[in-house]
Amino acid sequence: IRRIYYLYDIPAGESRGGHAHREL
């Protein structure tokens, strides 16, 4: 583990992510 973060208060019906990572 080298980084920690969190997602919160995401409005109803919304999405997050929508990506890929090369090495992570």
mmCIF file of all heavy atoms, coordinates in Angstrom:
data_MODEL
# 
_entry.id   MODEL 
# 
loop_
_atom_site.group_PDB 
_atom_site.id 
_atom_site.type_symbol 
_atom_site.label_atom_id 
_atom_site.label_alt_id 
_atom_site.label_comp_id 
_atom_site.label_asym_id 
_atom_site.label_entity_id 
_atom_site.label_seq_id 
_atom_site.pdbx_PDB_ins_code 
_atom_site.Cartn_x 
_atom_site.Cartn_y 
_atom_site.Cartn_z 
_atom_site.occupancy 
_atom_site.B_iso_or_equiv 
_atom_site.pdbx_formal_charge 
_atom_site.auth_seq_id 
_atom_site.auth_comp_id 
_atom_site.auth_asym_id 
_atom_site.auth_atom_id 
_atom_site.pdbx_PDB_model_num 
ATOM 1   N N   . ILE A 1 1  ? 0.850   -1.195 0.000   1.00 0.00 ? 1  ILE A N   1 
ATOM 2   C CA  . ILE A 1 1  ? 0.000   0.000  0.000   1.00 0.00 ? 1  ILE A CA  1 
ATOM 3   C C   . ILE A 1 1  ? 0.884   1.244  0.000   1.00 0.00 ? 1  ILE A C   1 
ATOM 4   O O   . ILE A 1 1  ? 1.715   1.421  0.882   1.00 0.00 ? 1  ILE A O   1 
ATOM 5   C CB  . ILE A 1 1  ? -0.928  -0.002 1.234   1.00 0.00 ? 1  ILE A CB  1 
ATOM 6   C CG1 . ILE A 1 1  ? -1.823  -1.240 1.222   1.00 0.00 ? 1  ILE A CG1 1 
ATOM 7   C CG2 . ILE A 1 1  ? -1.767  1.281  1.265   1.00 0.00 ? 1  ILE A CG2 1 
ATOM 8   C CD1 . ILE A 1 1  ? -2.510  -1.510 2.543   1.00 0.00 ? 1  ILE A CD1 1 
ATOM 9   N N   . ARG A 1 2  ? 0.689   2.098  -1.015  1.00 0.00 ? 2  ARG A N   1 
ATOM 10  C CA  . ARG A 1 2  ? 1.484   3.328  -1.142  1.00 0.00 ? 2  ARG A CA  1 
ATOM 11  C C   . ARG A 1 2  ? 0.623   4.588  -1.107  1.00 0.00 ? 2  ARG A C   1 
ATOM 12  O O   . ARG A 1 2  ? 1.132   5.692  -1.007  1.00 0.00 ? 2  ARG A O   1 
ATOM 13  C CB  . ARG A 1 2  ? 2.266   3.311  -2.463  1.00 0.00 ? 2  ARG A CB  1 
ATOM 14  C CG  . ARG A 1 2  ? 3.178   2.118  -2.672  1.00 0.00 ? 2  ARG A CG  1 
ATOM 15  C CD  . ARG A 1 2  ? 4.554   2.236  -2.064  1.00 0.00 ? 2  ARG A CD  1 
ATOM 16  N NE  . ARG A 1 2  ? 5.229   3.489  -2.278  1.00 0.00 ? 2  ARG A NE  1 
ATOM 17  C CZ  . ARG A 1 2  ? 5.937   3.816  -3.366  1.00 0.00 ? 2  ARG A CZ  1 
ATOM 18  N NH1 . ARG A 1 2  ? 6.046   2.997  -4.374  1.00 0.00 ? 2  ARG A NH1 1 
ATOM 19  N NH2 . ARG A 1 2  ? 6.530   4.985  -3.429  1.00 0.00 ? 2  ARG A NH2 1 
ATOM 20  N N   . ARG A 1 3  ? -0.714  4.411  -1.248  1.00 0.00 ? 3  ARG A N   1 
ATOM 21  C CA  . ARG A 1 3  ? -1.629  5.567  -1.244  1.00 0.00 ? 3  ARG A CA  1 
ATOM 22  C C   . ARG A 1 3  ? -2.994  5.095  -0.755  1.00 0.00 ? 3  ARG A C   1 
ATOM 23  O O   . ARG A 1 3  ? -3.417  3.983  -1.045  1.00 0.00 ? 3  ARG A O   1 
ATOM 24  C CB  . ARG A 1 3  ? -1.747  6.152  -2.647  1.00 0.00 ? 3  ARG A CB  1 
ATOM 25  C CG  . ARG A 1 3  ? -2.712  7.314  -2.770  1.00 0.00 ? 3  ARG A CG  1 
ATOM 26  C CD  . ARG A 1 3  ? -2.613  8.013  -4.124  1.00 0.00 ? 3  ARG A CD  1 
ATOM 27  N NE  . ARG A 1 3  ? -2.689  7.105  -5.243  1.00 0.00 ? 3  ARG A NE  1 
ATOM 28  C CZ  . ARG A 1 3  ? -3.594  7.179  -6.219  1.00 0.00 ? 3  ARG A CZ  1 
ATOM 29  N NH1 . ARG A 1 3  ? -4.503  8.129  -6.225  1.00 0.00 ? 3  ARG A NH1 1 
ATOM 30  N NH2 . ARG A 1 3  ? -3.579  6.331  -7.222  1.00 0.00 ? 3  ARG A NH2 1 
ATOM 31  N N   . ILE A 1 4  ? -3.665  5.967  0.001   1.00 0.00 ? 4  ILE A N   1 
ATOM 32  C CA  . ILE A 1 4  ? -5.004  5.681  0.501   1.00 0.00 ? 4  ILE A CA  1 
ATOM 33  C C   . ILE A 1 4  ? -5.871  6.918  0.273   1.00 0.00 ? 4  ILE A C   1 
ATOM 34  O O   . ILE A 1 4  ? -5.436  8.036  0.544   1.00 0.00 ? 4  ILE A O   1 
ATOM 35  C CB  . ILE A 1 4  ? -4.974  5.357  2.015   1.00 0.00 ? 4  ILE A CB  1 
ATOM 36  C CG1 . ILE A 1 4  ? -4.092  4.133  2.284   1.00 0.00 ? 4  ILE A CG1 1 
ATOM 37  C CG2 . ILE A 1 4  ? -6.389  5.138  2.546   1.00 0.00 ? 4  ILE A CG2 1 
ATOM 38  C CD1 . ILE A 1 4  ? -3.823  3.891  3.754   1.00 0.00 ? 4  ILE A CD1 1 
ATOM 39  N N   . TYR A 1 5  ? -7.074  6.708  -0.251  1.00 0.00 ? 5  TYR A N   1 
ATOM 40  C CA  . TYR A 1 5  ? -8.040  7.802  -0.369  1.00 0.00 ? 5  TYR A CA  1 
ATOM 41  C C   . TYR A 1 5  ? -9.436  7.206  -0.280  1.00 0.00 ? 5  TYR A C   1 
ATOM 42  O O   . TYR A 1 5  ? -9.599  5.986  -0.283  1.00 0.00 ? 5  TYR A O   1 
ATOM 43  C CB  . TYR A 1 5  ? -7.848  8.600  -1.660  1.00 0.00 ? 5  TYR A CB  1 
ATOM 44  C CG  . TYR A 1 5  ? -8.042  7.829  -2.938  1.00 0.00 ? 5  TYR A CG  1 
ATOM 45  C CD1 . TYR A 1 5  ? -9.262  7.837  -3.603  1.00 0.00 ? 5  TYR A CD1 1 
ATOM 46  C CD2 . TYR A 1 5  ? -6.988  7.115  -3.515  1.00 0.00 ? 5  TYR A CD2 1 
ATOM 47  C CE1 . TYR A 1 5  ? -9.434  7.150  -4.790  1.00 0.00 ? 5  TYR A CE1 1 
ATOM 48  C CE2 . TYR A 1 5  ? -7.149  6.422  -4.696  1.00 0.00 ? 5  TYR A CE2 1 
ATOM 49  C CZ  . TYR A 1 5  ? -8.380  6.443  -5.326  1.00 0.00 ? 5  TYR A CZ  1 
ATOM 50  O OH  . TYR A 1 5  ? -8.556  5.757  -6.500  1.00 0.00 ? 5  TYR A OH  1 
ATOM 51  N N   . TYR A 1 6  ? -10.449 8.056  -0.171  1.00 0.00 ? 6  TYR A N   1 
ATOM 52  C CA  . TYR A 1 6  ? -11.806 7.545  -0.115  1.00 0.00 ? 6  TYR A CA  1 
ATOM 53  C C   . TYR A 1 6  ? -12.765 8.455  -0.849  1.00 0.00 ? 6  TYR A C   1 
ATOM 54  O O   . TYR A 1 6  ? -12.531 9.644  -1.009  1.00 0.00 ? 6  TYR A O   1 
ATOM 55  C CB  . TYR A 1 6  ? -12.264 7.277  1.322   1.00 0.00 ? 6  TYR A CB  1 
ATOM 56  C CG  . TYR A 1 6  ? -12.134 8.425  2.288   1.00 0.00 ? 6  TYR A CG  1 
ATOM 57  C CD1 . TYR A 1 6  ? -13.220 9.244  2.576   1.00 0.00 ? 6  TYR A CD1 1 
ATOM 58  C CD2 . TYR A 1 6  ? -10.933 8.666  2.942   1.00 0.00 ? 6  TYR A CD2 1 
ATOM 59  C CE1 . TYR A 1 6  ? -13.106 10.284 3.486   1.00 0.00 ? 6  TYR A CE1 1 
ATOM 60  C CE2 . TYR A 1 6  ? -10.810 9.702  3.853   1.00 0.00 ? 6  TYR A CE2 1 
ATOM 61  C CZ  . TYR A 1 6  ? -11.894 10.509 4.120   1.00 0.00 ? 6  TYR A CZ  1 
ATOM 62  O OH  . TYR A 1 6  ? -11.782 11.543 5.010   1.00 0.00 ? 6  TYR A OH  1 
ATOM 63  N N   . LEU A 1 7  ? -13.834 7.835  -1.331  1.00 0.00 ? 7  LEU A N   1 
ATOM 64  C CA  . LEU A 1 7  ? -14.892 8.519  -2.065  1.00 0.00 ? 7  LEU A CA  1 
ATOM 65  C C   . LEU A 1 7  ? -16.132 8.530  -1.181  1.00 0.00 ? 7  LEU A C   1 
ATOM 66  O O   . LEU A 1 7  ? -16.459 7.515  -0.556  1.00 0.00 ? 7  LEU A O   1 
ATOM 67  C CB  . LEU A 1 7  ? -15.218 7.763  -3.359  1.00 0.00 ? 7  LEU A CB  1 
ATOM 68  C CG  . LEU A 1 7  ? -14.048 7.396  -4.275  1.00 0.00 ? 7  LEU A CG  1 
ATOM 69  C CD1 . LEU A 1 7  ? -14.510 6.456  -5.369  1.00 0.00 ? 7  LEU A CD1 1 
ATOM 70  C CD2 . LEU A 1 7  ? -13.437 8.647  -4.857  1.00 0.00 ? 7  LEU A CD2 1 
ATOM 71  N N   . TYR A 1 8  ? -16.841 9.651  -1.152  1.00 0.00 ? 8  TYR A N   1 
ATOM 72  C CA  . TYR A 1 8  ? -18.047 9.748  -0.330  1.00 0.00 ? 8  TYR A CA  1 
ATOM 73  C C   . TYR A 1 8  ? -18.944 10.851 -0.873  1.00 0.00 ? 8  TYR A C   1 
ATOM 74  O O   . TYR A 1 8  ? -18.532 11.614 -1.749  1.00 0.00 ? 8  TYR A O   1 
ATOM 75  C CB  . TYR A 1 8  ? -17.696 9.995  1.138   1.00 0.00 ? 8  TYR A CB  1 
ATOM 76  C CG  . TYR A 1 8  ? -16.932 11.275 1.379   1.00 0.00 ? 8  TYR A CG  1 
ATOM 77  C CD1 . TYR A 1 8  ? -17.585 12.422 1.805   1.00 0.00 ? 8  TYR A CD1 1 
ATOM 78  C CD2 . TYR A 1 8  ? -15.557 11.347 1.161   1.00 0.00 ? 8  TYR A CD2 1 
ATOM 79  C CE1 . TYR A 1 8  ? -16.889 13.602 2.014   1.00 0.00 ? 8  TYR A CE1 1 
ATOM 80  C CE2 . TYR A 1 8  ? -14.865 12.514 1.368   1.00 0.00 ? 8  TYR A CE2 1 
ATOM 81  C CZ  . TYR A 1 8  ? -15.532 13.643 1.796   1.00 0.00 ? 8  TYR A CZ  1 
ATOM 82  O OH  . TYR A 1 8  ? -14.834 14.810 1.990   1.00 0.00 ? 8  TYR A OH  1 
ATOM 83  N N   . ASP A 1 9  ? -20.165 10.916 -0.372  1.00 0.00 ? 9  ASP A N   1 
ATOM 84  C CA  . ASP A 1 9  ? -21.162 11.893 -0.811  1.00 0.00 ? 9  ASP A CA  1 
ATOM 85  C C   . ASP A 1 9  ? -21.382 11.852 -2.325  1.00 0.00 ? 9  ASP A C   1 
ATOM 86  O O   . ASP A 1 9  ? -21.562 12.891 -2.967  1.00 0.00 ? 9  ASP A O   1 
ATOM 87  C CB  . ASP A 1 9  ? -20.780 13.323 -0.380  1.00 0.00 ? 9  ASP A CB  1 
ATOM 88  C CG  . ASP A 1 9  ? -20.906 13.551 1.112   1.00 0.00 ? 9  ASP A CG  1 
ATOM 89  O OD1 . ASP A 1 9  ? -21.586 12.744 1.785   1.00 0.00 ? 9  ASP A OD1 1 
ATOM 90  O OD2 . ASP A 1 9  ? -20.332 14.542 1.610   1.00 0.00 ? 9  ASP A OD2 1 
ATOM 91  N N   . ILE A 1 10 ? -21.379 10.660 -2.892  1.00 0.00 ? 10 ILE A N   1 
ATOM 92  C CA  . ILE A 1 10 ? -21.645 10.515 -4.327  1.00 0.00 ? 10 ILE A CA  1 
ATOM 93  C C   . ILE A 1 10 ? -23.153 10.662 -4.532  1.00 0.00 ? 10 ILE A C   1 
ATOM 94  O O   . ILE A 1 10 ? -23.934 9.932  -3.925  1.00 0.00 ? 10 ILE A O   1 
ATOM 95  C CB  . ILE A 1 10 ? -21.140 9.160  -4.867  1.00 0.00 ? 10 ILE A CB  1 
ATOM 96  C CG1 . ILE A 1 10 ? -19.605 9.114  -4.815  1.00 0.00 ? 10 ILE A CG1 1 
ATOM 97  C CG2 . ILE A 1 10 ? -21.561 8.960  -6.311  1.00 0.00 ? 10 ILE A CG2 1 
ATOM 98  C CD1 . ILE A 1 10 ? -19.039 8.329  -3.743  1.00 0.00 ? 10 ILE A CD1 1 
ATOM 99  N N   . PRO A 1 11 ? -23.583 11.620 -5.358  1.00 0.00 ? 11 PRO A N   1 
ATOM 100 C CA  . PRO A 1 11 ? -25.026 11.827 -5.567  1.00 0.00 ? 11 PRO A CA  1 
ATOM 101 C C   . PRO A 1 11 ? -25.698 10.593 -6.171  1.00 0.00 ? 11 PRO A C   1 
ATOM 102 O O   . PRO A 1 11 ? -25.075 9.829  -6.927  1.00 0.00 ? 11 PRO A O   1 
ATOM 103 C CB  . PRO A 1 11 ? -25.074 12.997 -6.559  1.00 0.00 ? 11 PRO A CB  1 
ATOM 104 C CG  . PRO A 1 11 ? -23.758 13.688 -6.408  1.00 0.00 ? 11 PRO A CG  1 
ATOM 105 C CD  . PRO A 1 11 ? -22.771 12.600 -6.077  1.00 0.00 ? 11 PRO A CD  1 
ATOM 106 N N   . ALA A 1 12 ? -26.965 10.404 -5.841  1.00 0.00 ? 12 ALA A N   1 
ATOM 107 C CA  . ALA A 1 12 ? -27.744 9.277  -6.359  1.00 0.00 ? 12 ALA A CA  1 
ATOM 108 C C   . ALA A 1 12 ? -27.673 9.251  -7.880  1.00 0.00 ? 12 ALA A C   1 
ATOM 109 O O   . ALA A 1 12 ? -27.773 10.281 -8.537  1.00 0.00 ? 12 ALA A O   1 
ATOM 110 C CB  . ALA A 1 12 ? -29.194 9.380  -5.895  1.00 0.00 ? 12 ALA A CB  1 
ATOM 111 N N   . GLY A 1 13 ? -27.470 8.062  -8.430  1.00 0.00 ? 13 GLY A N   1 
ATOM 112 C CA  . GLY A 1 13 ? -27.446 7.880  -9.879  1.00 0.00 ? 13 GLY A CA  1 
ATOM 113 C C   . GLY A 1 13 ? -26.106 8.174  -10.530 1.00 0.00 ? 13 GLY A C   1 
ATOM 114 O O   . GLY A 1 13 ? -25.940 7.927  -11.724 1.00 0.00 ? 13 GLY A O   1 
ATOM 115 N N   . GLU A 1 14 ? -25.143 8.702  -9.790  1.00 0.00 ? 14 GLU A N   1 
ATOM 116 C CA  . GLU A 1 14 ? -23.829 9.013  -10.368 1.00 0.00 ? 14 GLU A CA  1 
ATOM 117 C C   . GLU A 1 14 ? -22.916 7.795  -10.293 1.00 0.00 ? 14 GLU A C   1 
ATOM 118 O O   . GLU A 1 14 ? -23.117 6.891  -9.482  1.00 0.00 ? 14 GLU A O   1 
ATOM 119 C CB  . GLU A 1 14 ? -23.177 10.180 -9.629  1.00 0.00 ? 14 GLU A CB  1 
ATOM 120 C CG  . GLU A 1 14 ? -23.863 11.509 -9.869  1.00 0.00 ? 14 GLU A CG  1 
ATOM 121 C CD  . GLU A 1 14 ? -23.830 11.943 -11.326 1.00 0.00 ? 14 GLU A CD  1 
ATOM 122 O OE1 . GLU A 1 14 ? -22.783 11.777 -11.982 1.00 0.00 ? 14 GLU A OE1 1 
ATOM 123 O OE2 . GLU A 1 14 ? -24.866 12.432 -11.804 1.00 0.00 ? 14 GLU A OE2 1 
ATOM 124 N N   . SER A 1 15 ? -21.885 7.788  -11.139 1.00 0.00 ? 15 SER A N   1 
ATOM 125 C CA  . SER A 1 15 ? -20.887 6.718  -11.113 1.00 0.00 ? 15 SER A CA  1 
ATOM 126 C C   . SER A 1 15 ? -19.505 7.337  -10.957 1.00 0.00 ? 15 SER A C   1 
ATOM 127 O O   . SER A 1 15 ? -19.328 8.538  -11.166 1.00 0.00 ? 15 SER A O   1 
ATOM 128 C CB  . SER A 1 15 ? -20.959 5.876  -12.391 1.00 0.00 ? 15 SER A CB  1 
ATOM 129 O OG  . SER A 1 15 ? -20.631 6.670  -13.511 1.00 0.00 ? 15 SER A OG  1 
ATOM 130 N N   . ARG A 1 16 ? -18.561 6.508  -10.572 1.00 0.00 ? 16 ARG A N   1 
ATOM 131 C CA  . ARG A 1 16 ? -17.165 6.926  -10.422 1.00 0.00 ? 16 ARG A CA  1 
ATOM 132 C C   . ARG A 1 16 ? -16.313 5.917  -11.184 1.00 0.00 ? 16 ARG A C   1 
ATOM 133 O O   . ARG A 1 16 ? -16.803 4.917  -11.680 1.00 0.00 ? 16 ARG A O   1 
ATOM 134 C CB  . ARG A 1 16 ? -16.759 6.932  -8.939  1.00 0.00 ? 16 ARG A CB  1 
ATOM 135 C CG  . ARG A 1 16 ? -17.477 7.944  -8.075  1.00 0.00 ? 16 ARG A CG  1 
ATOM 136 C CD  . ARG A 1 16 ? -17.140 9.364  -8.457  1.00 0.00 ? 16 ARG A CD  1 
ATOM 137 N NE  . ARG A 1 16 ? -15.713 9.579  -8.521  1.00 0.00 ? 16 ARG A NE  1 
ATOM 138 C CZ  . ARG A 1 16 ? -15.027 10.465 -7.820  1.00 0.00 ? 16 ARG A CZ  1 
ATOM 139 N NH1 . ARG A 1 16 ? -15.657 11.248 -6.976  1.00 0.00 ? 16 ARG A NH1 1 
ATOM 140 N NH2 . ARG A 1 16 ? -13.734 10.608 -7.966  1.00 0.00 ? 16 ARG A NH2 1 
ATOM 141 N N   . GLY A 1 17 ? -15.025 6.186  -11.227 1.00 0.00 ? 17 GLY A N   1 
ATOM 142 C CA  . GLY A 1 17 ? -14.134 5.285  -11.956 1.00 0.00 ? 17 GLY A CA  1 
ATOM 143 C C   . GLY A 1 17 ? -14.184 5.633  -13.423 1.00 0.00 ? 17 GLY A C   1 
ATOM 144 O O   . GLY A 1 17 ? -13.910 6.759  -13.812 1.00 0.00 ? 17 GLY A O   1 
ATOM 145 N N   . GLY A 1 18 ? -14.554 4.659  -14.245 1.00 0.00 ? 18 GLY A N   1 
ATOM 146 C CA  . GLY A 1 18 ? -14.573 4.889  -15.684 1.00 0.00 ? 18 GLY A CA  1 
ATOM 147 C C   . GLY A 1 18 ? -13.169 5.069  -16.214 1.00 0.00 ? 18 GLY A C   1 
ATOM 148 O O   . GLY A 1 18 ? -12.905 5.980  -16.993 1.00 0.00 ? 18 GLY A O   1 
ATOM 149 N N   . HIS A 1 19 ? -12.253 4.182  -15.773 1.00 0.00 ? 19 HIS A N   1 
ATOM 150 C CA  . HIS A 1 19 ? -10.867 4.233  -16.225 1.00 0.00 ? 19 HIS A CA  1 
ATOM 151 C C   . HIS A 1 19 ? -10.194 2.888  -15.953 1.00 0.00 ? 19 HIS A C   1 
ATOM 152 O O   . HIS A 1 19 ? -10.772 2.014  -15.320 1.00 0.00 ? 19 HIS A O   1 
ATOM 153 C CB  . HIS A 1 19 ? -10.100 5.367  -15.529 1.00 0.00 ? 19 HIS A CB  1 
ATOM 154 C CG  . HIS A 1 19 ? -9.995  5.214  -14.050 1.00 0.00 ? 19 HIS A CG  1 
ATOM 155 N ND1 . HIS A 1 19 ? -10.884 5.813  -13.191 1.00 0.00 ? 19 HIS A ND1 1 
ATOM 156 C CD2 . HIS A 1 19 ? -9.120  4.536  -13.281 1.00 0.00 ? 19 HIS A CD2 1 
ATOM 157 C CE1 . HIS A 1 19 ? -10.558 5.514  -11.948 1.00 0.00 ? 19 HIS A CE1 1 
ATOM 158 N NE2 . HIS A 1 19 ? -9.492  4.723  -11.968 1.00 0.00 ? 19 HIS A NE2 1 
ATOM 159 N N   . ALA A 1 20 ? -8.975  2.767  -16.451 1.00 0.00 ? 20 ALA A N   1 
ATOM 160 C CA  . ALA A 1 20 ? -8.109  1.617  -16.163 1.00 0.00 ? 20 ALA A CA  1 
ATOM 161 C C   . ALA A 1 20 ? -6.766  2.171  -15.710 1.00 0.00 ? 20 ALA A C   1 
ATOM 162 O O   . ALA A 1 20 ? -6.500  3.371  -15.872 1.00 0.00 ? 20 ALA A O   1 
ATOM 163 C CB  . ALA A 1 20 ? -7.931  0.755  -17.414 1.00 0.00 ? 20 ALA A CB  1 
ATOM 164 N N   . HIS A 1 21 ? -5.945  1.309  -15.156 1.00 0.00 ? 21 HIS A N   1 
ATOM 165 C CA  . HIS A 1 21 ? -4.591  1.704  -14.754 1.00 0.00 ? 21 HIS A CA  1 
ATOM 166 C C   . HIS A 1 21 ? -3.576  0.868  -15.508 1.00 0.00 ? 21 HIS A C   1 
ATOM 167 O O   . HIS A 1 21 ? -3.804  -0.302 -15.799 1.00 0.00 ? 21 HIS A O   1 
ATOM 168 C CB  . HIS A 1 21 ? -4.392  1.504  -13.246 1.00 0.00 ? 21 HIS A CB  1 
ATOM 169 C CG  . HIS A 1 21 ? -5.127  2.502  -12.426 1.00 0.00 ? 21 HIS A CG  1 
ATOM 170 N ND1 . HIS A 1 21 ? -4.712  3.803  -12.297 1.00 0.00 ? 21 HIS A ND1 1 
ATOM 171 C CD2 . HIS A 1 21 ? -6.275  2.395  -11.710 1.00 0.00 ? 21 HIS A CD2 1 
ATOM 172 C CE1 . HIS A 1 21 ? -5.557  4.455  -11.524 1.00 0.00 ? 21 HIS A CE1 1 
ATOM 173 N NE2 . HIS A 1 21 ? -6.528  3.627  -11.166 1.00 0.00 ? 21 HIS A NE2 1 
ATOM 174 N N   . ARG A 1 22 ? -2.455  1.491  -15.814 1.00 0.00 ? 22 ARG A N   1 
ATOM 175 C CA  . ARG A 1 22 ? -1.385  0.816  -16.555 1.00 0.00 ? 22 ARG A CA  1 
ATOM 176 C C   . ARG A 1 22 ? -0.631  -0.187 -15.682 1.00 0.00 ? 22 ARG A C   1 
ATOM 177 O O   . ARG A 1 22 ? -0.352  -1.296 -16.129 1.00 0.00 ? 22 ARG A O   1 
ATOM 178 C CB  . ARG A 1 22 ? -0.428  1.846  -17.141 1.00 0.00 ? 22 ARG A CB  1 
ATOM 179 C CG  . ARG A 1 22 ? -1.113  2.772  -18.138 1.00 0.00 ? 22 ARG A CG  1 
ATOM 180 C CD  . ARG A 1 22 ? -0.192  3.898  -18.593 1.00 0.00 ? 22 ARG A CD  1 
ATOM 181 N NE  . ARG A 1 22 ? -0.920  4.875  -19.370 1.00 0.00 ? 22 ARG A NE  1 
ATOM 182 C CZ  . ARG A 1 22 ? -1.237  4.756  -20.657 1.00 0.00 ? 22 ARG A CZ  1 
ATOM 183 N NH1 . ARG A 1 22 ? -0.876  3.672  -21.308 1.00 0.00 ? 22 ARG A NH1 1 
ATOM 184 N NH2 . ARG A 1 22 ? -1.909  5.692  -21.272 1.00 0.00 ? 22 ARG A NH2 1 
ATOM 185 N N   . GLU A 1 23 ? -0.266  0.194  -14.459 1.00 0.00 ? 23 GLU A N   1 
ATOM 186 C CA  . GLU A 1 23 ? 0.517   -0.685 -13.582 1.00 0.00 ? 23 GLU A CA  1 
ATOM 187 C C   . GLU A 1 23 ? -0.032  -0.764 -12.158 1.00 0.00 ? 23 GLU A C   1 
ATOM 188 O O   . GLU A 1 23 ? 0.378   -1.627 -11.395 1.00 0.00 ? 23 GLU A O   1 
ATOM 189 C CB  . GLU A 1 23 ? 1.973   -0.204 -13.524 1.00 0.00 ? 23 GLU A CB  1 
ATOM 190 C CG  . GLU A 1 23 ? 2.687   -0.265 -14.855 1.00 0.00 ? 23 GLU A CG  1 
ATOM 191 C CD  . GLU A 1 23 ? 4.123   0.243  -14.768 1.00 0.00 ? 23 GLU A CD  1 
ATOM 192 O OE1 . GLU A 1 23 ? 4.718   0.207  -13.679 1.00 0.00 ? 23 GLU A OE1 1 
ATOM 193 O OE2 . GLU A 1 23 ? 4.644   0.679  -15.809 1.00 0.00 ? 23 GLU A OE2 1 
ATOM 194 N N   . LEU A 1 24 ? -0.911  0.119  -11.799 1.00 0.00 ? 24 LEU A N   1 
ATOM 195 C CA  . LEU A 1 24 ? -1.383  0.250  -10.430 1.00 0.00 ? 24 LEU A CA  1 
ATOM 196 C C   . LEU A 1 24 ? -2.381  -0.845 -10.039 1.00 0.00 ? 24 LEU A C   1 
ATOM 197 O O   . LEU A 1 24 ? -3.278  -1.166 -10.803 1.00 0.00 ? 24 LEU A O   1 
ATOM 198 C CB  . LEU A 1 24 ? -2.061  1.614  -10.271 1.00 0.00 ? 24 LEU A CB  1 
ATOM 199 C CG  . LEU A 1 24 ? -2.641  1.922  -8.904  1.00 0.00 ? 24 LEU A CG  1 
ATOM 200 C CD1 . LEU A 1 24 ? -1.859  3.055  -8.262  1.00 0.00 ? 24 LEU A CD1 1 
ATOM 201 C CD2 . LEU A 1 24 ? -4.090  2.328  -9.027  1.00 0.00 ? 24 LEU A CD2 1 
# 
